[in-house]
Amino acid sequence: MNIRVRETADETRERIARTAEELFRRMGFAKTAVADIAAELGMSAANVYRFFPSKTAIVSTICTRSLLENEAQIAAVLAGEGSPQERIIAAYLTILRYHKENFLEERRVHDMVLVAMENNWDAIEAHKARIASMIAKVLEKGIEAKVFVPHDARMASQIILGASVRYCHPVLVAQNIDEDLEAGLRASLTFILRSIEVERTPLP
């Protein structure tokens, strides 16, 4: 006798959100209706609306999950091997590649990205603040290790974040997708980080 385990409300919400994201990628955000999502799940549209008041609300859930996934990747990179400079550059390259791989290489989800940004601005700002905080901690450790000269690590982290917008903002990345963005990001961060590095004697 097969006993079907009843889903919790959170599990159902997550299943709806993941199915919706698949349809947004396959059909495009604008062309996907709540009825399409419901049909894919084998439930009624009314049941979907029990968990999400609108299609935009589903996008908000997708956006939150994406931000947390990206933060976990960034944290893993910053906790990994390499010099502080290498880990900071690798963290920002992780952000760039996440946007390219998950959203921007599939132009049909571009509208979904725009909706997510418009309706989740506070969440995105909080996400940026957490990234800046993680980078600041690496800078502080670098100061302690005498890799960097003493400076305001939090301010430096904000400067780095601001200088990297072109490589981390989904819309700007999309506009410049045909460029070698990885090389540009690496060059920009290397230039900035050199300004706070402890001066070393040049090799003969």
N, C-alpha and C. Protein backbone atom coordinates (compact mmCIF):
# COMPACT_ATOMS: atom_id res chain seq x y z
N MET A 1 0.85 -1.20 0.00
CA MET A 1 0.00 0.00 0.00
C MET A 1 0.88 1.24 0.00
N ASN A 2 0.71 2.10 -1.00
CA ASN A 2 1.49 3.32 -1.10
C ASN A 2 0.83 4.44 -0.30
N ILE A 3 1.60 5.05 0.56
CA ILE A 3 1.09 6.16 1.35
C ILE A 3 1.69 7.46 0.82
N ARG A 4 0.88 8.33 0.32
CA ARG A 4 1.34 9.59 -0.23
C ARG A 4 1.52 10.61 0.90
N VAL A 5 2.73 11.13 1.01
CA VAL A 5 3.02 12.11 2.05
C VAL A 5 2.47 13.46 1.61
N ARG A 6 1.69 14.06 2.46
CA ARG A 6 1.08 15.34 2.13
C ARG A 6 2.13 16.45 2.17
N GLU A 7 2.14 17.29 1.14
CA GLU A 7 3.07 18.42 1.09
C GLU A 7 2.71 19.48 2.11
N THR A 8 3.73 20.13 2.64
CA THR A 8 3.47 21.31 3.46
C THR A 8 3.18 22.49 2.54
N ALA A 9 2.66 23.56 3.10
CA ALA A 9 2.36 24.75 2.29
C ALA A 9 3.64 25.31 1.67
N ASP A 10 4.73 25.30 2.43
CA ASP A 10 6.00 25.82 1.90
C ASP A 10 6.51 24.96 0.75
N GLU A 11 6.35 23.66 0.86
CA GLU A 11 6.78 22.76 -0.22
C GLU A 11 5.95 23.00 -1.48
N THR A 12 4.65 23.21 -1.30
CA THR A 12 3.79 23.49 -2.46
C THR A 12 4.17 24.81 -3.11
N ARG A 13 4.42 25.84 -2.29
CA ARG A 13 4.85 27.13 -2.82
C ARG A 13 6.14 26.99 -3.63
N GLU A 14 7.07 26.22 -3.11
CA GLU A 14 8.35 26.04 -3.80
C GLU A 14 8.16 25.28 -5.11
N ARG A 15 7.28 24.28 -5.10
CA ARG A 15 7.03 23.51 -6.32
C ARG A 15 6.37 24.40 -7.38
N ILE A 16 5.45 25.25 -6.96
CA ILE A 16 4.82 26.18 -7.90
C ILE A 16 5.86 27.14 -8.46
N ALA A 17 6.72 27.68 -7.61
CA ALA A 17 7.72 28.65 -8.05
C ALA A 17 8.70 28.02 -9.03
N ARG A 18 9.14 26.80 -8.75
CA ARG A 18 10.11 26.14 -9.64
C ARG A 18 9.48 25.78 -10.99
N THR A 19 8.23 25.35 -10.95
CA THR A 19 7.53 25.05 -12.19
C THR A 19 7.32 26.32 -13.00
N ALA A 20 6.96 27.40 -12.34
CA ALA A 20 6.77 28.68 -13.02
C ALA A 20 8.07 29.14 -13.67
N GLU A 21 9.17 29.00 -12.95
CA GLU A 21 10.46 29.43 -13.52
C GLU A 21 10.80 28.63 -14.76
N GLU A 22 10.53 27.34 -14.74
CA GLU A 22 10.78 26.51 -15.93
C GLU A 22 9.95 27.00 -17.12
N LEU A 23 8.68 27.35 -16.85
CA LEU A 23 7.83 27.84 -17.93
C LEU A 23 8.28 29.21 -18.42
N PHE A 24 8.72 30.07 -17.51
CA PHE A 24 9.22 31.39 -17.92
C PHE A 24 10.40 31.22 -18.87
N ARG A 25 11.27 30.26 -18.56
CA ARG A 25 12.43 30.01 -19.42
C ARG A 25 12.02 29.42 -20.77
N ARG A 26 11.01 28.56 -20.75
CA ARG A 26 10.59 27.87 -21.97
C ARG A 26 9.72 28.74 -22.86
N MET A 27 8.77 29.48 -22.26
CA MET A 27 7.78 30.23 -23.03
C MET A 27 8.00 31.74 -23.00
N GLY A 28 8.77 32.20 -22.01
CA GLY A 28 8.90 33.64 -21.80
C GLY A 28 7.95 34.09 -20.70
N PHE A 29 8.37 35.08 -19.93
CA PHE A 29 7.56 35.54 -18.80
C PHE A 29 6.22 36.10 -19.26
N ALA A 30 6.25 36.96 -20.27
CA ALA A 30 5.03 37.64 -20.71
C ALA A 30 3.99 36.65 -21.26
N LYS A 31 4.47 35.56 -21.87
CA LYS A 31 3.55 34.62 -22.51
C LYS A 31 3.06 33.54 -21.57
N THR A 32 3.60 33.50 -20.37
CA THR A 32 3.19 32.48 -19.41
C THR A 32 2.12 33.03 -18.49
N ALA A 33 0.96 32.38 -18.46
CA ALA A 33 -0.14 32.79 -17.58
C ALA A 33 -0.19 31.88 -16.37
N VAL A 34 -0.85 32.33 -15.33
CA VAL A 34 -1.02 31.50 -14.14
C VAL A 34 -1.72 30.20 -14.51
N ALA A 35 -2.63 30.26 -15.47
CA ALA A 35 -3.34 29.05 -15.92
C ALA A 35 -2.36 28.03 -16.50
N ASP A 36 -1.33 28.51 -17.20
CA ASP A 36 -0.31 27.61 -17.76
C ASP A 36 0.46 26.92 -16.64
N ILE A 37 0.79 27.69 -15.62
CA ILE A 37 1.53 27.13 -14.47
C ILE A 37 0.68 26.08 -13.78
N ALA A 38 -0.60 26.39 -13.59
CA ALA A 38 -1.52 25.46 -12.93
C ALA A 38 -1.65 24.17 -13.74
N ALA A 39 -1.78 24.30 -15.06
CA ALA A 39 -1.93 23.12 -15.91
C ALA A 39 -0.69 22.24 -15.85
N GLU A 40 0.47 22.85 -15.83
CA GLU A 40 1.73 22.10 -15.74
C GLU A 40 1.81 21.32 -14.43
N LEU A 41 1.23 21.87 -13.39
CA LEU A 41 1.25 21.25 -12.07
C LEU A 41 0.09 20.27 -11.86
N GLY A 42 -0.88 20.30 -12.77
CA GLY A 42 -2.05 19.44 -12.61
C GLY A 42 -2.98 19.92 -11.53
N MET A 43 -3.04 21.24 -11.37
CA MET A 43 -3.95 21.81 -10.37
C MET A 43 -4.72 22.96 -11.01
N SER A 44 -5.66 23.49 -10.30
CA SER A 44 -6.45 24.59 -10.83
C SER A 44 -5.73 25.92 -10.61
N ALA A 45 -6.05 26.91 -11.44
CA ALA A 45 -5.47 28.24 -11.25
C ALA A 45 -5.86 28.80 -9.88
N ALA A 46 -7.08 28.49 -9.44
CA ALA A 46 -7.54 28.96 -8.13
C ALA A 46 -6.65 28.44 -7.01
N ASN A 47 -6.14 27.22 -7.19
CA ASN A 47 -5.26 26.64 -6.17
C ASN A 47 -3.91 27.35 -6.16
N VAL A 48 -3.43 27.72 -7.34
CA VAL A 48 -2.18 28.49 -7.40
C VAL A 48 -2.36 29.82 -6.68
N TYR A 49 -3.50 30.45 -6.90
CA TYR A 49 -3.77 31.75 -6.27
C TYR A 49 -3.92 31.64 -4.75
N ARG A 50 -4.16 30.43 -4.24
CA ARG A 50 -4.18 30.26 -2.78
C ARG A 50 -2.80 30.51 -2.18
N PHE A 51 -1.77 30.26 -2.99
CA PHE A 51 -0.40 30.38 -2.49
C PHE A 51 0.29 31.65 -2.97
N PHE A 52 -0.12 32.15 -4.13
CA PHE A 52 0.47 33.37 -4.68
C PHE A 52 -0.65 34.26 -5.22
N PRO A 53 -0.72 35.52 -4.80
CA PRO A 53 -1.80 36.39 -5.26
C PRO A 53 -1.66 36.80 -6.72
N SER A 54 -0.46 36.63 -7.30
CA SER A 54 -0.24 37.06 -8.68
C SER A 54 1.00 36.39 -9.25
N LYS A 55 1.18 36.54 -10.55
CA LYS A 55 2.39 36.03 -11.20
C LYS A 55 3.62 36.78 -10.70
N THR A 56 3.45 38.06 -10.43
CA THR A 56 4.55 38.86 -9.89
C THR A 56 5.01 38.34 -8.54
N ALA A 57 4.07 37.87 -7.73
CA ALA A 57 4.42 37.32 -6.41
C ALA A 57 5.25 36.04 -6.56
N ILE A 58 4.97 35.28 -7.60
CA ILE A 58 5.78 34.07 -7.86
C ILE A 58 7.20 34.49 -8.21
N VAL A 59 7.33 35.53 -9.03
CA VAL A 59 8.66 36.02 -9.40
C VAL A 59 9.43 36.49 -8.17
N SER A 60 8.74 37.08 -7.21
CA SER A 60 9.39 37.53 -5.99
C SER A 60 10.03 36.36 -5.24
N THR A 61 9.32 35.25 -5.20
CA THR A 61 9.87 34.06 -4.55
C THR A 61 11.08 33.54 -5.31
N ILE A 62 11.01 33.53 -6.63
CA ILE A 62 12.14 33.09 -7.45
C ILE A 62 13.34 34.01 -7.22
N CYS A 63 13.07 35.31 -7.14
CA CYS A 63 14.13 36.30 -6.93
C CYS A 63 14.83 36.06 -5.59
N THR A 64 14.05 35.87 -4.54
CA THR A 64 14.62 35.65 -3.20
C THR A 64 15.50 34.41 -3.19
N ARG A 65 15.00 33.33 -3.79
CA ARG A 65 15.78 32.09 -3.84
C ARG A 65 17.08 32.30 -4.60
N SER A 66 17.01 33.01 -5.71
CA SER A 66 18.20 33.25 -6.53
C SER A 66 19.25 34.06 -5.77
N LEU A 67 18.80 35.08 -5.04
CA LEU A 67 19.73 35.91 -4.26
C LEU A 67 20.44 35.06 -3.21
N LEU A 68 19.68 34.20 -2.52
CA LEU A 68 20.28 33.37 -1.47
C LEU A 68 21.24 32.34 -2.06
N GLU A 69 20.90 31.78 -3.23
CA GLU A 69 21.79 30.84 -3.89
C GLU A 69 23.11 31.52 -4.25
N ASN A 70 23.01 32.72 -4.80
CA ASN A 70 24.21 33.46 -5.20
C ASN A 70 25.06 33.82 -3.99
N GLU A 71 24.41 34.23 -2.90
CA GLU A 71 25.16 34.57 -1.69
C GLU A 71 25.92 33.36 -1.15
N ALA A 72 25.31 32.18 -1.21
CA ALA A 72 25.98 30.97 -0.74
C ALA A 72 27.22 30.67 -1.58
N GLN A 73 27.11 30.90 -2.89
CA GLN A 73 28.26 30.69 -3.78
C GLN A 73 29.38 31.68 -3.45
N ILE A 74 29.00 32.94 -3.23
CA ILE A 74 29.98 33.98 -2.92
C ILE A 74 30.69 33.65 -1.61
N ALA A 75 29.94 33.26 -0.59
CA ALA A 75 30.51 32.94 0.71
C ALA A 75 31.51 31.79 0.59
N ALA A 76 31.17 30.79 -0.23
CA ALA A 76 32.06 29.64 -0.41
C ALA A 76 33.37 30.06 -1.07
N VAL A 77 33.28 30.94 -2.05
CA VAL A 77 34.49 31.42 -2.73
C VAL A 77 35.36 32.23 -1.78
N LEU A 78 34.75 33.10 -1.00
CA LEU A 78 35.52 33.95 -0.09
C LEU A 78 36.15 33.14 1.04
N ALA A 79 35.58 32.00 1.36
CA ALA A 79 36.13 31.14 2.41
C ALA A 79 37.14 30.14 1.86
N GLY A 80 37.37 30.18 0.55
CA GLY A 80 38.25 29.20 -0.09
C GLY A 80 39.72 29.57 -0.04
N GLU A 81 40.46 28.95 -0.95
CA GLU A 81 41.91 29.15 -1.02
C GLU A 81 42.23 30.41 -1.82
N GLY A 82 43.47 30.90 -1.64
CA GLY A 82 43.93 32.04 -2.44
C GLY A 82 44.14 33.27 -1.59
N SER A 83 44.81 34.24 -2.18
CA SER A 83 45.06 35.51 -1.50
C SER A 83 43.74 36.27 -1.37
N PRO A 84 43.70 37.28 -0.48
CA PRO A 84 42.48 38.09 -0.39
C PRO A 84 42.09 38.70 -1.73
N GLN A 85 43.08 39.16 -2.50
CA GLN A 85 42.79 39.75 -3.80
C GLN A 85 42.14 38.72 -4.73
N GLU A 86 42.72 37.53 -4.76
CA GLU A 86 42.20 36.48 -5.65
C GLU A 86 40.77 36.09 -5.26
N ARG A 87 40.51 36.01 -3.97
CA ARG A 87 39.18 35.59 -3.52
C ARG A 87 38.13 36.67 -3.77
N ILE A 88 38.52 37.94 -3.62
CA ILE A 88 37.57 39.03 -3.90
C ILE A 88 37.23 39.06 -5.38
N ILE A 89 38.25 38.95 -6.22
CA ILE A 89 38.00 38.93 -7.67
C ILE A 89 37.15 37.72 -8.04
N ALA A 90 37.47 36.56 -7.46
CA ALA A 90 36.69 35.34 -7.77
C ALA A 90 35.24 35.49 -7.32
N ALA A 91 35.01 36.18 -6.21
CA ALA A 91 33.64 36.38 -5.72
C ALA A 91 32.83 37.19 -6.71
N TYR A 92 33.41 38.26 -7.23
CA TYR A 92 32.68 39.09 -8.18
C TYR A 92 32.51 38.39 -9.53
N LEU A 93 33.48 37.58 -9.91
CA LEU A 93 33.32 36.79 -11.12
C LEU A 93 32.18 35.78 -10.94
N THR A 94 32.01 35.29 -9.73
CA THR A 94 30.91 34.37 -9.42
C THR A 94 29.56 35.05 -9.62
N ILE A 95 29.46 36.31 -9.20
CA ILE A 95 28.22 37.06 -9.39
C ILE A 95 27.92 37.23 -10.88
N LEU A 96 28.94 37.66 -11.62
CA LEU A 96 28.77 37.88 -13.06
C LEU A 96 28.34 36.59 -13.76
N ARG A 97 29.02 35.50 -13.47
CA ARG A 97 28.71 34.24 -14.14
C ARG A 97 27.34 33.71 -13.74
N TYR A 98 26.94 33.97 -12.50
CA TYR A 98 25.62 33.53 -12.06
C TYR A 98 24.53 34.20 -12.89
N HIS A 99 24.67 35.50 -13.10
CA HIS A 99 23.67 36.22 -13.90
C HIS A 99 23.68 35.72 -15.34
N LYS A 100 24.86 35.52 -15.90
CA LYS A 100 24.94 35.09 -17.30
C LYS A 100 24.37 33.69 -17.49
N GLU A 101 24.69 32.79 -16.59
CA GLU A 101 24.29 31.40 -16.74
C GLU A 101 22.82 31.17 -16.41
N ASN A 102 22.31 31.88 -15.42
CA ASN A 102 20.96 31.61 -14.94
C ASN A 102 19.88 32.45 -15.58
N PHE A 103 20.25 33.62 -16.09
CA PHE A 103 19.22 34.50 -16.63
C PHE A 103 19.55 35.03 -18.02
N LEU A 104 20.70 35.64 -18.18
CA LEU A 104 20.92 36.46 -19.35
C LEU A 104 21.22 35.69 -20.62
N GLU A 105 21.69 34.44 -20.50
CA GLU A 105 21.91 33.65 -21.71
C GLU A 105 20.59 33.12 -22.26
N GLU A 106 19.54 33.24 -21.47
CA GLU A 106 18.20 32.87 -21.92
C GLU A 106 17.38 34.16 -22.00
N ARG A 107 17.34 34.76 -23.16
CA ARG A 107 16.71 36.08 -23.30
C ARG A 107 15.23 36.07 -22.95
N ARG A 108 14.59 34.90 -22.96
CA ARG A 108 13.15 34.84 -22.67
C ARG A 108 12.84 35.12 -21.20
N VAL A 109 13.85 35.05 -20.34
CA VAL A 109 13.59 35.34 -18.93
C VAL A 109 14.01 36.76 -18.57
N HIS A 110 14.44 37.53 -19.56
CA HIS A 110 14.89 38.90 -19.27
C HIS A 110 13.76 39.73 -18.65
N ASP A 111 12.54 39.58 -19.17
CA ASP A 111 11.40 40.32 -18.61
C ASP A 111 11.16 39.92 -17.16
N MET A 112 11.38 38.65 -16.84
CA MET A 112 11.21 38.20 -15.47
C MET A 112 12.23 38.88 -14.55
N VAL A 113 13.45 39.04 -15.04
CA VAL A 113 14.49 39.71 -14.26
C VAL A 113 14.09 41.15 -13.97
N LEU A 114 13.56 41.84 -14.98
CA LEU A 114 13.14 43.22 -14.80
C LEU A 114 12.02 43.34 -13.77
N VAL A 115 11.06 42.43 -13.85
CA VAL A 115 9.95 42.44 -12.89
C VAL A 115 10.47 42.16 -11.48
N ALA A 116 11.38 41.21 -11.38
CA ALA A 116 11.94 40.86 -10.07
C ALA A 116 12.66 42.05 -9.45
N MET A 117 13.42 42.77 -10.26
CA MET A 117 14.17 43.92 -9.74
C MET A 117 13.23 45.04 -9.32
N GLU A 118 12.19 45.26 -10.12
CA GLU A 118 11.26 46.36 -9.84
C GLU A 118 10.47 46.11 -8.55
N ASN A 119 10.15 44.84 -8.29
CA ASN A 119 9.27 44.54 -7.16
C ASN A 119 10.00 44.00 -5.93
N ASN A 120 11.32 43.88 -6.01
CA ASN A 120 12.08 43.33 -4.89
C ASN A 120 13.28 44.21 -4.57
N TRP A 121 13.11 45.52 -4.73
CA TRP A 121 14.24 46.42 -4.58
C TRP A 121 14.84 46.34 -3.19
N ASP A 122 14.01 46.29 -2.15
CA ASP A 122 14.52 46.22 -0.78
C ASP A 122 15.33 44.94 -0.57
N ALA A 123 14.84 43.83 -1.11
CA ALA A 123 15.55 42.56 -0.97
C ALA A 123 16.88 42.60 -1.70
N ILE A 124 16.90 43.24 -2.86
CA ILE A 124 18.14 43.35 -3.63
C ILE A 124 19.13 44.25 -2.92
N GLU A 125 18.67 45.35 -2.35
CA GLU A 125 19.55 46.24 -1.59
C GLU A 125 20.14 45.51 -0.38
N ALA A 126 19.32 44.70 0.29
CA ALA A 126 19.82 43.93 1.43
C ALA A 126 20.85 42.90 0.97
N HIS A 127 20.61 42.31 -0.19
CA HIS A 127 21.55 41.35 -0.78
C HIS A 127 22.90 42.04 -1.05
N LYS A 128 22.86 43.22 -1.63
CA LYS A 128 24.09 43.97 -1.90
C LYS A 128 24.82 44.32 -0.61
N ALA A 129 24.08 44.67 0.42
CA ALA A 129 24.69 45.01 1.70
C ALA A 129 25.39 43.79 2.30
N ARG A 130 24.79 42.62 2.16
CA ARG A 130 25.42 41.41 2.70
C ARG A 130 26.69 41.06 1.93
N ILE A 131 26.67 41.28 0.61
CA ILE A 131 27.89 41.04 -0.17
C ILE A 131 28.99 42.00 0.26
N ALA A 132 28.64 43.27 0.41
CA ALA A 132 29.63 44.27 0.84
C ALA A 132 30.21 43.90 2.20
N SER A 133 29.37 43.40 3.10
CA SER A 133 29.84 43.00 4.42
C SER A 133 30.82 41.83 4.33
N MET A 134 30.53 40.86 3.47
CA MET A 134 31.42 39.72 3.30
C MET A 134 32.78 40.16 2.75
N ILE A 135 32.75 41.07 1.78
CA ILE A 135 33.99 41.57 1.19
C ILE A 135 34.78 42.36 2.23
N ALA A 136 34.08 43.15 3.04
CA ALA A 136 34.75 43.95 4.07
C ALA A 136 35.51 43.06 5.05
N LYS A 137 34.94 41.92 5.39
CA LYS A 137 35.60 41.00 6.31
C LYS A 137 36.89 40.45 5.71
N VAL A 138 36.89 40.19 4.42
CA VAL A 138 38.11 39.72 3.75
C VAL A 138 39.16 40.83 3.75
N LEU A 139 38.73 42.05 3.49
CA LEU A 139 39.65 43.19 3.52
C LEU A 139 40.25 43.36 4.92
N GLU A 140 39.41 43.22 5.94
CA GLU A 140 39.89 43.36 7.32
C GLU A 140 40.94 42.29 7.64
N LYS A 141 40.68 41.06 7.21
CA LYS A 141 41.66 39.99 7.42
C LYS A 141 42.95 40.29 6.66
N GLY A 142 42.79 40.89 5.47
CA GLY A 142 43.97 41.25 4.68
C GLY A 142 44.81 42.33 5.36
N ILE A 143 44.14 43.25 6.05
CA ILE A 143 44.86 44.29 6.81
C ILE A 143 45.63 43.63 7.96
N GLU A 144 44.97 42.73 8.66
CA GLU A 144 45.61 42.03 9.77
C GLU A 144 46.84 41.25 9.30
N ALA A 145 46.75 40.67 8.10
CA ALA A 145 47.85 39.88 7.55
C ALA A 145 48.88 40.75 6.84
N LYS A 146 48.69 42.06 6.87
CA LYS A 146 49.59 43.04 6.24
C LYS A 146 49.68 42.85 4.72
N VAL A 147 48.58 42.33 4.16
CA VAL A 147 48.46 42.29 2.69
C VAL A 147 48.00 43.64 2.19
N PHE A 148 47.11 44.29 2.97
CA PHE A 148 46.61 45.62 2.64
C PHE A 148 47.07 46.63 3.68
N VAL A 149 47.21 47.87 3.25
CA VAL A 149 47.51 48.95 4.18
C VAL A 149 46.26 49.21 5.02
N PRO A 150 46.40 49.77 6.22
CA PRO A 150 45.22 50.09 7.03
C PRO A 150 44.28 51.04 6.28
N HIS A 151 43.02 50.73 6.31
CA HIS A 151 42.00 51.56 5.65
C HIS A 151 40.64 51.20 6.21
N ASP A 152 39.63 51.97 5.86
CA ASP A 152 38.26 51.69 6.26
C ASP A 152 37.72 50.58 5.34
N ALA A 153 37.72 49.35 5.86
CA ALA A 153 37.37 48.20 5.03
C ALA A 153 35.94 48.28 4.51
N ARG A 154 35.03 48.80 5.33
CA ARG A 154 33.63 48.89 4.90
C ARG A 154 33.47 49.90 3.77
N MET A 155 34.18 51.04 3.88
CA MET A 155 34.10 52.03 2.82
C MET A 155 34.73 51.48 1.54
N ALA A 156 35.88 50.80 1.68
CA ALA A 156 36.54 50.22 0.51
C ALA A 156 35.64 49.19 -0.16
N SER A 157 34.93 48.40 0.66
CA SER A 157 34.03 47.40 0.11
C SER A 157 32.90 48.05 -0.69
N GLN A 158 32.39 49.17 -0.20
CA GLN A 158 31.34 49.90 -0.92
C GLN A 158 31.87 50.46 -2.24
N ILE A 159 33.10 50.94 -2.22
CA ILE A 159 33.72 51.46 -3.45
C ILE A 159 33.86 50.34 -4.48
N ILE A 160 34.32 49.19 -4.01
CA ILE A 160 34.46 48.04 -4.91
C ILE A 160 33.11 47.64 -5.49
N LEU A 161 32.09 47.61 -4.63
CA LEU A 161 30.74 47.25 -5.08
C LEU A 161 30.24 48.23 -6.13
N GLY A 162 30.44 49.52 -5.88
CA GLY A 162 29.99 50.53 -6.83
C GLY A 162 30.71 50.45 -8.16
N ALA A 163 32.02 50.18 -8.10
CA ALA A 163 32.81 50.10 -9.33
C ALA A 163 32.49 48.85 -10.14
N SER A 164 31.84 47.88 -9.50
CA SER A 164 31.56 46.61 -10.18
C SER A 164 30.13 46.51 -10.70
N VAL A 165 29.36 47.58 -10.58
CA VAL A 165 27.94 47.55 -10.97
C VAL A 165 27.77 47.09 -12.41
N ARG A 166 28.61 47.59 -13.29
CA ARG A 166 28.49 47.24 -14.71
C ARG A 166 28.59 45.73 -14.94
N TYR A 167 29.25 45.04 -14.03
CA TYR A 167 29.48 43.61 -14.19
C TYR A 167 28.55 42.76 -13.32
N CYS A 168 27.74 43.42 -12.49
CA CYS A 168 26.89 42.68 -11.56
C CYS A 168 25.41 43.02 -11.69
N HIS A 169 25.10 44.09 -12.40
CA HIS A 169 23.70 44.48 -12.59
C HIS A 169 23.16 43.74 -13.81
N PRO A 170 22.11 42.92 -13.64
CA PRO A 170 21.63 42.10 -14.76
C PRO A 170 21.33 42.87 -16.03
N VAL A 171 20.73 44.06 -15.91
CA VAL A 171 20.39 44.83 -17.11
C VAL A 171 21.65 45.31 -17.82
N LEU A 172 22.63 45.81 -17.06
CA LEU A 172 23.87 46.29 -17.66
C LEU A 172 24.68 45.14 -18.26
N VAL A 173 24.65 44.01 -17.59
CA VAL A 173 25.33 42.83 -18.13
C VAL A 173 24.69 42.43 -19.46
N ALA A 174 23.36 42.46 -19.50
CA ALA A 174 22.64 42.09 -20.73
C ALA A 174 22.99 43.04 -21.87
N GLN A 175 23.12 44.32 -21.55
CA GLN A 175 23.43 45.31 -22.58
C GLN A 175 24.83 45.14 -23.15
N ASN A 176 25.72 44.52 -22.38
CA ASN A 176 27.12 44.37 -22.79
C ASN A 176 27.54 42.91 -22.87
N ILE A 177 26.56 42.05 -23.12
CA ILE A 177 26.78 40.62 -23.05
C ILE A 177 27.81 40.12 -24.07
N ASP A 178 28.00 40.86 -25.17
CA ASP A 178 28.93 40.42 -26.21
C ASP A 178 30.37 40.80 -25.91
N GLU A 179 30.59 41.58 -24.85
CA GLU A 179 31.95 41.95 -24.47
C GLU A 179 32.58 40.87 -23.59
N ASP A 180 33.91 40.96 -23.42
CA ASP A 180 34.59 40.07 -22.50
C ASP A 180 34.47 40.67 -21.10
N LEU A 181 33.30 40.46 -20.48
CA LEU A 181 33.02 41.09 -19.20
C LEU A 181 33.92 40.55 -18.09
N GLU A 182 34.26 39.28 -18.17
CA GLU A 182 35.14 38.71 -17.15
C GLU A 182 36.49 39.43 -17.12
N ALA A 183 37.06 39.68 -18.31
CA ALA A 183 38.35 40.36 -18.38
C ALA A 183 38.23 41.79 -17.86
N GLY A 184 37.14 42.47 -18.21
CA GLY A 184 36.94 43.84 -17.74
C GLY A 184 36.80 43.91 -16.24
N LEU A 185 36.05 42.98 -15.68
CA LEU A 185 35.85 42.95 -14.23
C LEU A 185 37.16 42.66 -13.51
N ARG A 186 37.90 41.69 -14.02
CA ARG A 186 39.17 41.34 -13.40
C ARG A 186 40.14 42.53 -13.42
N ALA A 187 40.20 43.23 -14.55
CA ALA A 187 41.11 44.38 -14.66
C ALA A 187 40.70 45.51 -13.72
N SER A 188 39.40 45.76 -13.62
CA SER A 188 38.91 46.84 -12.75
C SER A 188 39.23 46.56 -11.28
N LEU A 189 38.95 45.33 -10.85
CA LEU A 189 39.18 44.99 -9.45
C LEU A 189 40.67 44.93 -9.12
N THR A 190 41.46 44.44 -10.05
CA THR A 190 42.91 44.42 -9.83
C THR A 190 43.44 45.83 -9.63
N PHE A 191 42.97 46.76 -10.45
CA PHE A 191 43.39 48.16 -10.35
C PHE A 191 43.01 48.75 -8.99
N ILE A 192 41.77 48.50 -8.55
CA ILE A 192 41.30 49.05 -7.27
C ILE A 192 42.08 48.44 -6.10
N LEU A 193 42.24 47.13 -6.11
CA LEU A 193 42.90 46.45 -5.00
C LEU A 193 44.37 46.84 -4.88
N ARG A 194 45.00 47.15 -5.99
CA ARG A 194 46.40 47.57 -5.93
C ARG A 194 46.56 48.87 -5.15
N SER A 195 45.51 49.68 -5.13
CA SER A 195 45.60 50.96 -4.43
C SER A 195 45.67 50.80 -2.92
N ILE A 196 45.29 49.63 -2.40
CA ILE A 196 45.34 49.42 -0.95
C ILE A 196 46.32 48.31 -0.57
N GLU A 197 47.03 47.77 -1.54
CA GLU A 197 48.01 46.73 -1.23
C GLU A 197 49.24 47.35 -0.54
N VAL A 198 49.85 46.56 0.35
CA VAL A 198 51.11 46.99 0.94
C VAL A 198 52.15 47.03 -0.15
N GLU A 199 52.93 48.12 -0.18
CA GLU A 199 53.92 48.28 -1.25
C GLU A 199 54.99 47.22 -1.12
N ARG A 200 55.29 46.61 -2.23
CA ARG A 200 56.31 45.56 -2.25
C ARG A 200 57.51 46.02 -3.08
N THR A 201 58.68 45.52 -2.70
CA THR A 201 59.88 45.85 -3.47
C THR A 201 59.82 45.13 -4.80
N PRO A 202 59.98 45.86 -5.91
CA PRO A 202 59.90 45.20 -7.23
C PRO A 202 60.98 44.14 -7.38
N LEU A 203 60.66 43.09 -8.11
CA LEU A 203 61.66 42.07 -8.38
C LEU A 203 62.72 42.61 -9.31
N PRO A 204 64.00 42.19 -9.13
CA PRO A 204 65.08 42.71 -9.99
C PRO A 204 64.92 42.20 -11.43
